[in-house]
Amino acid sequence: MKNLHSKKGLLFNALLSSALTALFVTATVSAATTISTNINTGGTLTVTGASTLTGAVTTAGDVTLGDAGADVITITGNASTTNSFEVGNFLYVNGYATTTGTNGNFATLGTIVGSSTAQFTGALTSYGSVTLGDAGADAITLTGNASTTNALTVGTVLYVGGRATTTASNGNFDIHGTASSSALIVGGDSVSGTVSGIVFGTCNIVGTGTHSITASTTGGVACTGATGVTTAFKVFVMATSSLTSAPTDVGGGFIIQGASSTASATIGVNVYNASSTAATPAGTLNFWAFR
């Protein structure tokens, strides 16, 4: 009986030892492992969960962060390099982008794209062609003075809100194309020297019996087809040649004594009949109109 109890005791001790060993191994695997010395491995170190490093990390070879284009690489602190920093695609900067180089320059080998407003507090120099805006409706605003040491070419209309001056030695202002202005002052002032419109061309007096002028008197006739003329214009006219009389030339001729803009595209002309017979003038007149 003593041997039986002894064997049972040995079996119980063995089972208890195995159970305690299993519990210790389980607790060891489930809990964190702290190693106070360095770890050297000749192969790959693989971590399946999050890895937290409380000290500096130094790598002697290439480093790959992320294994897919959708991976987000977050740098909470400041990032710096003593060599070049290359980005294969877009570089997004949510804050300020500065450089600590000796010259302070920010150099790029490609295109700088700003989705919002780009501000330059110093001088901006471009060594190639510069395109401002990508559509005809874009407004290009120059708050300060704009100057050029070479030519300035404007493809369409150039609008000047204030005065346009030249610092050339002769003071001339040359225009190789069309110049347009809503108000022009030439050697005068804003009260009596402003020209807001100039038109010129020809108009026609069509001789009809209803416009017959008695001999040695003055009558009014209409010169039509004066394109651009309105009642706001002051008009000057001159005959292109001698006015004829309708239906037949009675001789003596006509003398233009005055003209005014009486309706749109129409100039009223006062004509003196210098002949001895009632007649109706006909012909073409040159006109110049100002407002």
C-alpha atoms as a PDB file:
ATOM      1  CA  MET A   1       0.000   0.000   0.000  1.00  0.00           C
ATOM      2  CA  LYS A   2       2.893   2.283   0.730  1.00  0.00           C
ATOM      3  CA  ASN A   3       4.282   1.803  -2.761  1.00  0.00           C
ATOM      4  CA  LEU A   4       0.847   2.512  -4.241  1.00  0.00           C
ATOM      5  CA  HIS A   5       0.571   5.806  -2.389  1.00  0.00           C
ATOM      6  CA  SER A   6       4.105   6.676  -3.404  1.00  0.00           C
ATOM      7  CA  LYS A   7       3.357   6.083  -7.064  1.00  0.00           C
ATOM      8  CA  LYS A   8       0.185   8.132  -6.869  1.00  0.00           C
ATOM      9  CA  GLY A   9       2.162  10.960  -5.311  1.00  0.00           C
ATOM     10  CA  LEU A  10       4.736  10.881  -8.081  1.00  0.00           C
ATOM     11  CA  LEU A  11       1.972  10.921 -10.749  1.00  0.00           C
ATOM     12  CA  PHE A  12       0.274  13.881  -9.073  1.00  0.00           C
ATOM     13  CA  ASN A  13       3.524  15.813  -8.900  1.00  0.00           C
ATOM     14  CA  ALA A  14       4.234  15.149 -12.593  1.00  0.00           C
ATOM     15  CA  LEU A  15       0.758  16.323 -13.659  1.00  0.00           C
ATOM     16  CA  LEU A  16       1.018  19.433 -11.492  1.00  0.00           C
ATOM     17  CA  SER A  17       4.440  20.248 -12.934  1.00  0.00           C
ATOM     18  CA  SER A  18       3.156  19.883 -16.513  1.00  0.00           C
ATOM     19  CA  ALA A  19       0.178  22.144 -15.798  1.00  0.00           C
ATOM     20  CA  LEU A  20       2.335  24.836 -14.236  1.00  0.00           C
ATOM     21  CA  THR A  21       4.759  24.662 -17.155  1.00  0.00           C
ATOM     22  CA  ALA A  22       1.928  25.090 -19.680  1.00  0.00           C
ATOM     23  CA  LEU A  23       0.533  28.075 -17.776  1.00  0.00           C
ATOM     24  CA  PHE A  24       3.979  29.706 -17.603  1.00  0.00           C
ATOM     25  CA  VAL A  25       4.580  29.237 -21.338  1.00  0.00           C
ATOM     26  CA  THR A  26       1.123  30.654 -22.163  1.00  0.00           C
ATOM     27  CA  ALA A  27       1.686  33.667 -19.930  1.00  0.00           C
ATOM     28  CA  THR A  28       5.118  34.202 -21.425  1.00  0.00           C
ATOM     29  CA  VAL A  29       3.833  34.139 -25.024  1.00  0.00           C
ATOM     30  CA  SER A  30       0.814  36.370 -24.299  1.00  0.00           C
ATOM     31  CA  ALA A  31       2.735  39.046 -22.390  1.00  0.00           C
ATOM     32  CA  ALA A  32       5.295  41.570 -23.729  1.00  0.00           C
ATOM     33  CA  THR A  33       8.907  40.526 -23.939  1.00  0.00           C
ATOM     34  CA  THR A  34      11.623  42.906 -22.747  1.00  0.00           C
ATOM     35  CA  ILE A  35      15.207  42.390 -23.853  1.00  0.00           C
ATOM     36  CA  SER A  36      17.821  44.579 -22.223  1.00  0.00           C
ATOM     37  CA  THR A  37      20.591  43.827 -24.725  1.00  0.00           C
ATOM     38  CA  ASN A  38      20.982  44.210 -28.502  1.00  0.00           C
ATOM     39  CA  ILE A  39      19.336  41.860 -30.978  1.00  0.00           C
ATOM     40  CA  ASN A  40      21.369  40.754 -33.990  1.00  0.00           C
ATOM     41  CA  THR A  41      19.710  38.796 -36.744  1.00  0.00           C
ATOM     42  CA  GLY A  42      21.177  37.561 -39.995  1.00  0.00           C
ATOM     43  CA  GLY A  43      17.776  37.334 -41.665  1.00  0.00           C
ATOM     44  CA  THR A  44      14.590  39.339 -41.925  1.00  0.00           C
ATOM     45  CA  LEU A  45      12.865  40.818 -38.887  1.00  0.00           C
ATOM     46  CA  THR A  46       9.108  40.543 -39.415  1.00  0.00           C
ATOM     47  CA  VAL A  47       6.585  42.237 -37.153  1.00  0.00           C
ATOM     48  CA  THR A  48       2.914  41.425 -37.775  1.00  0.00           C
ATOM     49  CA  GLY A  49       1.491  44.049 -35.442  1.00  0.00           C
ATOM     50  CA  ALA A  50       2.310  47.629 -34.581  1.00  0.00           C
ATOM     51  CA  SER A  51       5.955  48.301 -33.817  1.00  0.00           C
ATOM     52  CA  THR A  52       6.875  51.076 -31.375  1.00  0.00           C
ATOM     53  CA  LEU A  53      10.483  52.263 -31.183  1.00  0.00           C
ATOM     54  CA  THR A  54      11.264  54.663 -28.349  1.00  0.00           C
ATOM     55  CA  GLY A  55      14.784  55.542 -29.456  1.00  0.00           C
ATOM     56  CA  ALA A  56      16.591  56.510 -32.639  1.00  0.00           C
ATOM     57  CA  VAL A  57      16.399  54.158 -35.610  1.00  0.00           C
ATOM     58  CA  THR A  58      19.362  53.772 -37.931  1.00  0.00           C
ATOM     59  CA  THR A  59      19.297  51.753 -41.119  1.00  0.00           C
ATOM     60  CA  ALA A  60      22.340  50.916 -43.197  1.00  0.00           C
ATOM     61  CA  GLY A  61      20.464  50.153 -46.426  1.00  0.00           C
ATOM     62  CA  ASP A  62      17.342  51.034 -48.369  1.00  0.00           C
ATOM     63  CA  VAL A  63      14.128  51.556 -46.415  1.00  0.00           C
ATOM     64  CA  THR A  64      10.665  50.882 -47.816  1.00  0.00           C
ATOM     65  CA  LEU A  65       7.687  52.352 -45.985  1.00  0.00           C
ATOM     66  CA  GLY A  66       4.402  50.807 -46.996  1.00  0.00           C
ATOM     67  CA  ASP A  67       3.759  48.132 -49.609  1.00  0.00           C
ATOM     68  CA  ALA A  68       0.922  49.793 -51.584  1.00  0.00           C
ATOM     69  CA  GLY A  69       0.221  53.188 -53.143  1.00  0.00           C
ATOM     70  CA  ALA A  70      -2.743  53.696 -50.800  1.00  0.00           C
ATOM     71  CA  ASP A  71      -0.584  53.334 -47.673  1.00  0.00           C
ATOM     72  CA  VAL A  72      -0.335  56.489 -45.566  1.00  0.00           C
ATOM     73  CA  ILE A  73       3.101  57.405 -44.211  1.00  0.00           C
ATOM     74  CA  THR A  74       2.679  59.807 -41.293  1.00  0.00           C
ATOM     75  CA  ILE A  75       5.616  61.762 -39.846  1.00  0.00           C
ATOM     76  CA  THR A  76       4.551  63.466 -36.616  1.00  0.00           C
ATOM     77  CA  GLY A  77       7.809  65.272 -35.947  1.00  0.00           C
ATOM     78  CA  ASN A  78      10.176  67.179 -38.198  1.00  0.00           C
ATOM     79  CA  ALA A  79      11.794  65.349 -41.113  1.00  0.00           C
ATOM     80  CA  SER A  80      15.233  66.372 -42.340  1.00  0.00           C
ATOM     81  CA  THR A  81      17.898  65.070 -44.660  1.00  0.00           C
ATOM     82  CA  THR A  82      21.539  65.912 -45.219  1.00  0.00           C
ATOM     83  CA  ASN A  83      21.220  64.740 -48.829  1.00  0.00           C
ATOM     84  CA  SER A  84      18.621  64.985 -51.570  1.00  0.00           C
ATOM     85  CA  PHE A  85      14.962  64.133 -51.080  1.00  0.00           C
ATOM     86  CA  GLU A  86      13.150  62.755 -54.110  1.00  0.00           C
ATOM     87  CA  VAL A  87       9.409  62.273 -54.523  1.00  0.00           C
ATOM     88  CA  GLY A  88       8.281  60.070 -57.401  1.00  0.00           C
ATOM     89  CA  ASN A  89       4.797  61.588 -57.595  1.00  0.00           C
ATOM     90  CA  PHE A  90       2.995  64.463 -55.872  1.00  0.00           C
ATOM     91  CA  LEU A  91       4.332  66.060 -52.705  1.00  0.00           C
ATOM     92  CA  TYR A  92       1.575  67.520 -50.545  1.00  0.00           C
ATOM     93  CA  VAL A  93       2.519  70.044 -47.882  1.00  0.00           C
ATOM     94  CA  ASN A  94      -0.263  71.085 -45.495  1.00  0.00           C
ATOM     95  CA  GLY A  95       1.843  73.752 -43.817  1.00  0.00           C
ATOM     96  CA  TYR A  96       4.882  75.817 -44.758  1.00  0.00           C
ATOM     97  CA  ALA A  97       7.624  74.432 -46.993  1.00  0.00           C
ATOM     98  CA  THR A  98      10.985  76.010 -46.158  1.00  0.00           C
ATOM     99  CA  THR A  99      14.615  75.363 -46.889  1.00  0.00           C
ATOM    100  CA  THR A 100      17.660  75.754 -44.658  1.00  0.00           C
ATOM    101  CA  GLY A 101      20.127  75.742 -47.539  1.00  0.00           C
ATOM    102  CA  THR A 102      22.891  78.328 -47.587  1.00  0.00           C
ATOM    103  CA  ASN A 103      21.200  80.330 -50.363  1.00  0.00           C
ATOM    104  CA  GLY A 104      17.602  79.745 -49.276  1.00  0.00           C
ATOM    105  CA  ASN A 105      16.569  78.661 -52.788  1.00  0.00           C
ATOM    106  CA  PHE A 106      13.828  76.119 -53.395  1.00  0.00           C
ATOM    107  CA  ALA A 107      14.655  74.191 -56.566  1.00  0.00           C
ATOM    108  CA  THR A 108      12.453  71.807 -58.522  1.00  0.00           C
ATOM    109  CA  LEU A 109      13.220  69.825 -61.662  1.00  0.00           C
ATOM    110  CA  GLY A 110       9.554  69.610 -62.674  1.00  0.00           C
ATOM    111  CA  THR A 111       6.390  71.658 -62.462  1.00  0.00           C
ATOM    112  CA  ILE A 112       5.238  73.408 -59.306  1.00  0.00           C
ATOM    113  CA  VAL A 113       1.456  73.107 -59.069  1.00  0.00           C
ATOM    114  CA  GLY A 114      -0.556  75.082 -56.516  1.00  0.00           C
ATOM    115  CA  SER A 115      -4.243  74.199 -56.143  1.00  0.00           C
ATOM    116  CA  SER A 116      -4.828  77.350 -54.137  1.00  0.00           C
ATOM    117  CA  THR A 117      -3.152  80.758 -53.911  1.00  0.00           C
ATOM    118  CA  ALA A 118       0.640  80.977 -54.264  1.00  0.00           C
ATOM    119  CA  GLN A 119       2.260  83.905 -52.463  1.00  0.00           C
ATOM    120  CA  PHE A 120       5.778  85.221 -53.009  1.00  0.00           C
ATOM    121  CA  THR A 121       7.077  87.798 -50.556  1.00  0.00           C
ATOM    122  CA  GLY A 122      10.228  88.500 -52.561  1.00  0.00           C
ATOM    123  CA  ALA A 123      11.200  88.918 -56.185  1.00  0.00           C
ATOM    124  CA  LEU A 124      10.034  86.270 -58.653  1.00  0.00           C
ATOM    125  CA  THR A 125      12.301  85.562 -61.611  1.00  0.00           C
ATOM    126  CA  SER A 126      11.381  83.273 -64.499  1.00  0.00           C
ATOM    127  CA  TYR A 127      13.973  82.168 -67.060  1.00  0.00           C
ATOM    128  CA  GLY A 128      11.475  80.758 -69.555  1.00  0.00           C
ATOM    129  CA  SER A 129       8.053  81.524 -70.962  1.00  0.00           C
ATOM    130  CA  VAL A 130       5.372  82.449 -68.429  1.00  0.00           C
ATOM    131  CA  THR A 131       1.668  81.767 -68.924  1.00  0.00           C
ATOM    132  CA  LEU A 132      -0.785  83.565 -66.639  1.00  0.00           C
ATOM    133  CA  GLY A 133      -4.245  82.035 -66.646  1.00  0.00           C
ATOM    134  CA  ASP A 134      -5.565  79.139 -68.705  1.00  0.00           C
ATOM    135  CA  ALA A 135      -8.759  80.700 -70.101  1.00  0.00           C
ATOM    136  CA  GLY A 136      -9.729  83.921 -71.833  1.00  0.00           C
ATOM    137  CA  ALA A 137     -12.051  84.824 -68.951  1.00  0.00           C
ATOM    138  CA  ASP A 138      -9.240  84.704 -66.359  1.00  0.00           C
ATOM    139  CA  ALA A 139      -8.425  88.091 -64.823  1.00  0.00           C
ATOM    140  CA  ILE A 140      -4.721  88.946 -64.445  1.00  0.00           C
ATOM    141  CA  THR A 141      -4.380  91.676 -61.806  1.00  0.00           C
ATOM    142  CA  LEU A 142      -1.167  93.663 -61.327  1.00  0.00           C
ATOM    143  CA  THR A 143      -1.455  95.669 -58.117  1.00  0.00           C
ATOM    144  CA  GLY A 144       1.929  97.339 -58.415  1.00  0.00           C
ATOM    145  CA  ASN A 145       3.727  98.901 -61.339  1.00  0.00           C
ATOM    146  CA  ALA A 146       4.568  96.701 -64.333  1.00  0.00           C
ATOM    147  CA  SER A 147       7.633  97.451 -66.418  1.00  0.00           C
ATOM    148  CA  THR A 148       9.640  95.769 -69.133  1.00  0.00           C
ATOM    149  CA  THR A 149      13.060  96.397 -70.644  1.00  0.00           C
ATOM    150  CA  ASN A 150      11.854  94.789 -73.855  1.00  0.00           C
ATOM    151  CA  ALA A 151       8.660  94.732 -75.898  1.00  0.00           C
ATOM    152  CA  LEU A 152       5.182  94.044 -74.492  1.00  0.00           C
ATOM    153  CA  THR A 153       2.858  92.320 -76.939  1.00  0.00           C
ATOM    154  CA  VAL A 154      -0.899  92.149 -76.345  1.00  0.00           C
ATOM    155  CA  GLY A 155      -2.757  89.667 -78.518  1.00  0.00           C
ATOM    156  CA  THR A 156      -6.142  91.368 -78.381  1.00  0.00           C
ATOM    157  CA  VAL A 157      -7.455  94.401 -76.485  1.00  0.00           C
ATOM    158  CA  LEU A 158      -5.367  96.253 -73.898  1.00  0.00           C
ATOM    159  CA  TYR A 159      -7.457  98.052 -71.282  1.00  0.00           C
ATOM    160  CA  VAL A 160      -5.845 100.827 -69.239  1.00  0.00           C
ATOM    161  CA  GLY A 161      -7.902 102.022 -66.286  1.00  0.00           C
ATOM    162  CA  GLY A 162      -5.725 105.058 -65.599  1.00  0.00           C
ATOM    163  CA  ARG A 163      -3.128 107.012 -67.532  1.00  0.00           C
ATOM    164  CA  ALA A 164      -0.807 105.384 -70.034  1.00  0.00           C
ATOM    165  CA  THR A 165       2.625 107.020 -70.151  1.00  0.00           C
ATOM    166  CA  THR A 166       5.986 106.282 -71.689  1.00  0.00           C
ATOM    167  CA  THR A 167       9.468 106.817 -70.290  1.00  0.00           C
ATOM    168  CA  ALA A 168      11.147 106.535 -73.680  1.00  0.00           C
ATOM    169  CA  SER A 169      13.585 109.287 -74.587  1.00  0.00           C
ATOM    170  CA  ASN A 170      11.277 110.762 -77.236  1.00  0.00           C
ATOM    171  CA  GLY A 171       8.049 110.327 -75.256  1.00  0.00           C
ATOM    172  CA  ASN A 172       6.251 108.793 -78.233  1.00  0.00           C
ATOM    173  CA  PHE A 173       3.545 106.213 -77.767  1.00  0.00           C
ATOM    174  CA  ASP A 174       3.510 103.879 -80.787  1.00  0.00           C
ATOM    175  CA  ILE A 175       0.614 101.592 -81.671  1.00  0.00           C
ATOM    176  CA  HIS A 176       1.056  99.066 -84.469  1.00  0.00           C
ATOM    177  CA  GLY A 177      -2.526  97.809 -84.284  1.00  0.00           C
ATOM    178  CA  THR A 178      -5.844  99.250 -83.175  1.00  0.00           C
ATOM    179  CA  ALA A 179      -6.135 101.627 -80.214  1.00  0.00           C
ATOM    180  CA  SER A 180      -9.476 101.936 -78.461  1.00  0.00           C
ATOM    181  CA  SER A 181     -10.532 104.247 -75.634  1.00  0.00           C
ATOM    182  CA  SER A 182     -13.870 105.219 -74.088  1.00  0.00           C
ATOM    183  CA  ALA A 183     -12.500 108.695 -73.276  1.00  0.00           C
ATOM    184  CA  LEU A 184      -9.487 110.373 -74.881  1.00  0.00           C
ATOM    185  CA  ILE A 185      -7.914 113.668 -73.793  1.00  0.00           C
ATOM    186  CA  VAL A 186      -5.464 115.214 -76.243  1.00  0.00           C
ATOM    187  CA  GLY A 187      -3.848 118.436 -75.042  1.00  0.00           C
ATOM    188  CA  GLY A 188      -7.011 119.538 -73.237  1.00  0.00           C
ATOM    189  CA  ASP A 189      -8.769 118.850 -69.985  1.00  0.00           C
ATOM    190  CA  SER A 190     -11.581 116.662 -68.708  1.00  0.00           C
ATOM    191  CA  VAL A 191     -14.154 119.437 -69.153  1.00  0.00           C
ATOM    192  CA  SER A 192     -13.738 120.531 -72.752  1.00  0.00           C
ATOM    193  CA  GLY A 193     -10.989 118.299 -74.110  1.00  0.00           C
ATOM    194  CA  THR A 194     -12.384 114.803 -73.720  1.00  0.00           C
ATOM    195  CA  VAL A 195     -13.207 112.838 -76.855  1.00  0.00           C
ATOM    196  CA  SER A 196     -15.475 109.835 -76.250  1.00  0.00           C
ATOM    197  CA  GLY A 197     -16.057 108.801 -79.844  1.00  0.00           C
ATOM    198  CA  ILE A 198     -14.806 109.452 -83.372  1.00  0.00           C
ATOM    199  CA  VAL A 199     -16.427 108.070 -86.531  1.00  0.00           C
ATOM    200  CA  PHE A 200     -15.973 108.970 -90.165  1.00  0.00           C
ATOM    201  CA  GLY A 201     -17.138 107.845 -93.572  1.00  0.00           C
ATOM    202  CA  THR A 202     -19.494 108.895 -96.350  1.00  0.00           C
ATOM    203  CA  CYS A 203     -23.223 109.543 -96.598  1.00  0.00           C
ATOM    204  CA  ASN A 204     -25.516 110.085 -99.561  1.00  0.00           C
ATOM    205  CA  ILE A 205     -27.984 112.812-100.522  1.00  0.00           C
ATOM    206  CA  VAL A 206     -30.563 111.259-102.772  1.00  0.00           C
ATOM    207  CA  GLY A 207     -32.229 113.871-105.001  1.00  0.00           C
ATOM    208  CA  THR A 208     -36.020 113.696-104.901  1.00  0.00           C
ATOM    209  CA  GLY A 209     -38.699 116.196-105.744  1.00  0.00           C
ATOM    210  CA  THR A 210     -39.727 116.548-102.105  1.00  0.00           C
ATOM    211  CA  HIS A 211     -36.373 118.141-101.267  1.00  0.00           C
ATOM    212  CA  SER A 212     -36.411 120.802-103.963  1.00  0.00           C
ATOM    213  CA  ILE A 213     -34.765 124.050-102.876  1.00  0.00           C
ATOM    214  CA  THR A 214     -35.961 127.367-104.238  1.00  0.00           C
ATOM    215  CA  ALA A 215     -33.376 129.364-106.167  1.00  0.00           C
ATOM    216  CA  SER A 216     -31.146 131.619-104.038  1.00  0.00           C
ATOM    217  CA  THR A 217     -32.421 130.103-100.775  1.00  0.00           C
ATOM    218  CA  THR A 218     -31.230 127.558 -98.227  1.00  0.00           C
ATOM    219  CA  GLY A 219     -32.974 124.254 -97.659  1.00  0.00           C
ATOM    220  CA  GLY A 220     -32.435 121.206 -95.518  1.00  0.00           C
ATOM    221  CA  VAL A 221     -31.730 117.747 -96.930  1.00  0.00           C
ATOM    222  CA  ALA A 222     -30.909 114.389 -95.352  1.00  0.00           C
ATOM    223  CA  CYS A 223     -27.588 112.666 -95.941  1.00  0.00           C
ATOM    224  CA  THR A 224     -28.238 109.004 -95.076  1.00  0.00           C
ATOM    225  CA  GLY A 225     -25.990 106.002 -94.581  1.00  0.00           C
ATOM    226  CA  ALA A 226     -23.714 107.747 -92.061  1.00  0.00           C
ATOM    227  CA  THR A 227     -22.845 104.573 -90.147  1.00  0.00           C
ATOM    228  CA  GLY A 228     -21.983 105.131 -86.473  1.00  0.00           C
ATOM    229  CA  VAL A 229     -23.425 108.628 -86.234  1.00  0.00           C
ATOM    230  CA  THR A 230     -25.966 109.373 -83.492  1.00  0.00           C
ATOM    231  CA  THR A 231     -27.522 112.585 -82.243  1.00  0.00           C
ATOM    232  CA  ALA A 232     -24.736 112.817 -79.630  1.00  0.00           C
ATOM    233  CA  PHE A 233     -22.115 113.569 -82.297  1.00  0.00           C
ATOM    234  CA  LYS A 234     -20.910 116.879 -83.676  1.00  0.00           C
ATOM    235  CA  VAL A 235     -20.567 116.508 -87.449  1.00  0.00           C
ATOM    236  CA  PHE A 236     -18.335 118.022 -90.126  1.00  0.00           C
ATOM    237  CA  VAL A 237     -19.066 117.366 -93.812  1.00  0.00           C
ATOM    238  CA  MET A 238     -17.381 118.025 -97.130  1.00  0.00           C
ATOM    239  CA  ALA A 239     -18.503 117.160-100.635  1.00  0.00           C
ATOM    240  CA  THR A 240     -16.492 114.543-102.463  1.00  0.00           C
ATOM    241  CA  SER A 241     -17.192 116.482-105.679  1.00  0.00           C
ATOM    242  CA  SER A 242     -19.684 119.047-106.950  1.00  0.00           C
ATOM    243  CA  LEU A 243     -23.237 118.289-105.919  1.00  0.00           C
ATOM    244  CA  THR A 244     -25.550 117.632-108.811  1.00  0.00           C
ATOM    245  CA  SER A 245     -29.174 118.622-109.103  1.00  0.00           C
ATOM    246  CA  ALA A 246     -32.021 116.286-109.799  1.00  0.00           C
ATOM    247  CA  PRO A 247     -33.676 115.523-112.021  1.00  0.00           C
ATOM    248  CA  THR A 248     -31.424 117.669-114.283  1.00  0.00           C
ATOM    249  CA  ASP A 249     -28.433 119.886-113.690  1.00  0.00           C
ATOM    250  CA  VAL A 250     -29.652 123.504-113.694  1.00  0.00           C
ATOM    251  CA  GLY A 251     -26.192 125.023-113.217  1.00  0.00           C
ATOM    252  CA  GLY A 252     -25.085 127.468-110.553  1.00  0.00           C
ATOM    253  CA  GLY A 253     -24.340 124.724-108.044  1.00  0.00           C
ATOM    254  CA  PHE A 254     -25.005 124.265-104.327  1.00  0.00           C
ATOM    255  CA  ILE A 255     -23.177 125.507-101.272  1.00  0.00           C
ATOM    256  CA  ILE A 256     -23.120 123.496 -98.013  1.00  0.00           C
ATOM    257  CA  GLN A 257     -23.725 125.895 -95.136  1.00  0.00           C
ATOM    258  CA  GLY A 258     -24.102 123.610 -92.135  1.00  0.00           C
ATOM    259  CA  ALA A 259     -24.562 120.044 -90.883  1.00  0.00           C
ATOM    260  CA  SER A 260     -25.791 118.284 -87.752  1.00  0.00           C
ATOM    261  CA  SER A 261     -26.651 114.771 -86.635  1.00  0.00           C
ATOM    262  CA  THR A 262     -30.441 114.605 -86.737  1.00  0.00           C
ATOM    263  CA  ALA A 263     -31.009 110.866 -86.315  1.00  0.00           C
ATOM    264  CA  SER A 264     -29.145 107.567 -86.162  1.00  0.00           C
ATOM    265  CA  ALA A 265     -26.952 107.201 -89.280  1.00  0.00           C
ATOM    266  CA  THR A 266     -28.441 110.402 -90.691  1.00  0.00           C
ATOM    267  CA  ILE A 267     -26.864 113.854 -91.064  1.00  0.00           C
ATOM    268  CA  GLY A 268     -29.035 116.893 -91.713  1.00  0.00           C
ATOM    269  CA  VAL A 269     -27.349 119.260 -94.196  1.00  0.00           C
ATOM    270  CA  ASN A 270     -28.231 122.883 -94.931  1.00  0.00           C
ATOM    271  CA  VAL A 271     -27.646 123.531 -98.632  1.00  0.00           C
ATOM    272  CA  TYR A 272     -27.822 126.914-100.425  1.00  0.00           C
ATOM    273  CA  ASN A 273     -29.144 126.789-103.981  1.00  0.00           C
ATOM    274  CA  ALA A 274     -26.928 129.193-105.934  1.00  0.00           C
ATOM    275  CA  SER A 275     -28.733 128.574-109.189  1.00  0.00           C
ATOM    276  CA  SER A 276     -31.572 130.603-110.675  1.00  0.00           C
ATOM    277  CA  THR A 277     -33.980 127.684-110.695  1.00  0.00           C
ATOM    278  CA  ALA A 278     -35.471 125.498-107.977  1.00  0.00           C
ATOM    279  CA  ALA A 279     -33.554 122.252-107.805  1.00  0.00           C
ATOM    280  CA  THR A 280     -32.895 119.225-105.580  1.00  0.00           C
ATOM    281  CA  PRO A 281     -29.262 118.483-104.606  1.00  0.00           C
ATOM    282  CA  ALA A 282     -27.807 114.987-104.886  1.00  0.00           C
ATOM    283  CA  GLY A 283     -24.396 113.462-104.243  1.00  0.00           C
ATOM    284  CA  THR A 284     -22.003 111.941-101.707  1.00  0.00           C
ATOM    285  CA  LEU A 285     -20.488 113.731 -98.719  1.00  0.00           C
ATOM    286  CA  ASN A 286     -17.478 112.887 -96.550  1.00  0.00           C
ATOM    287  CA  PHE A 287     -18.198 113.220 -92.825  1.00  0.00           C
ATOM    288  CA  TRP A 288     -16.260 113.302 -89.555  1.00  0.00           C
ATOM    289  CA  ALA A 289     -18.187 113.045 -86.321  1.00  0.00           C
ATOM    290  CA  PHE A 290     -16.970 113.580 -82.723  1.00  0.00           C
ATOM    291  CA  ARG A 291     -18.608 113.278 -79.335  1.00  0.00           C
END
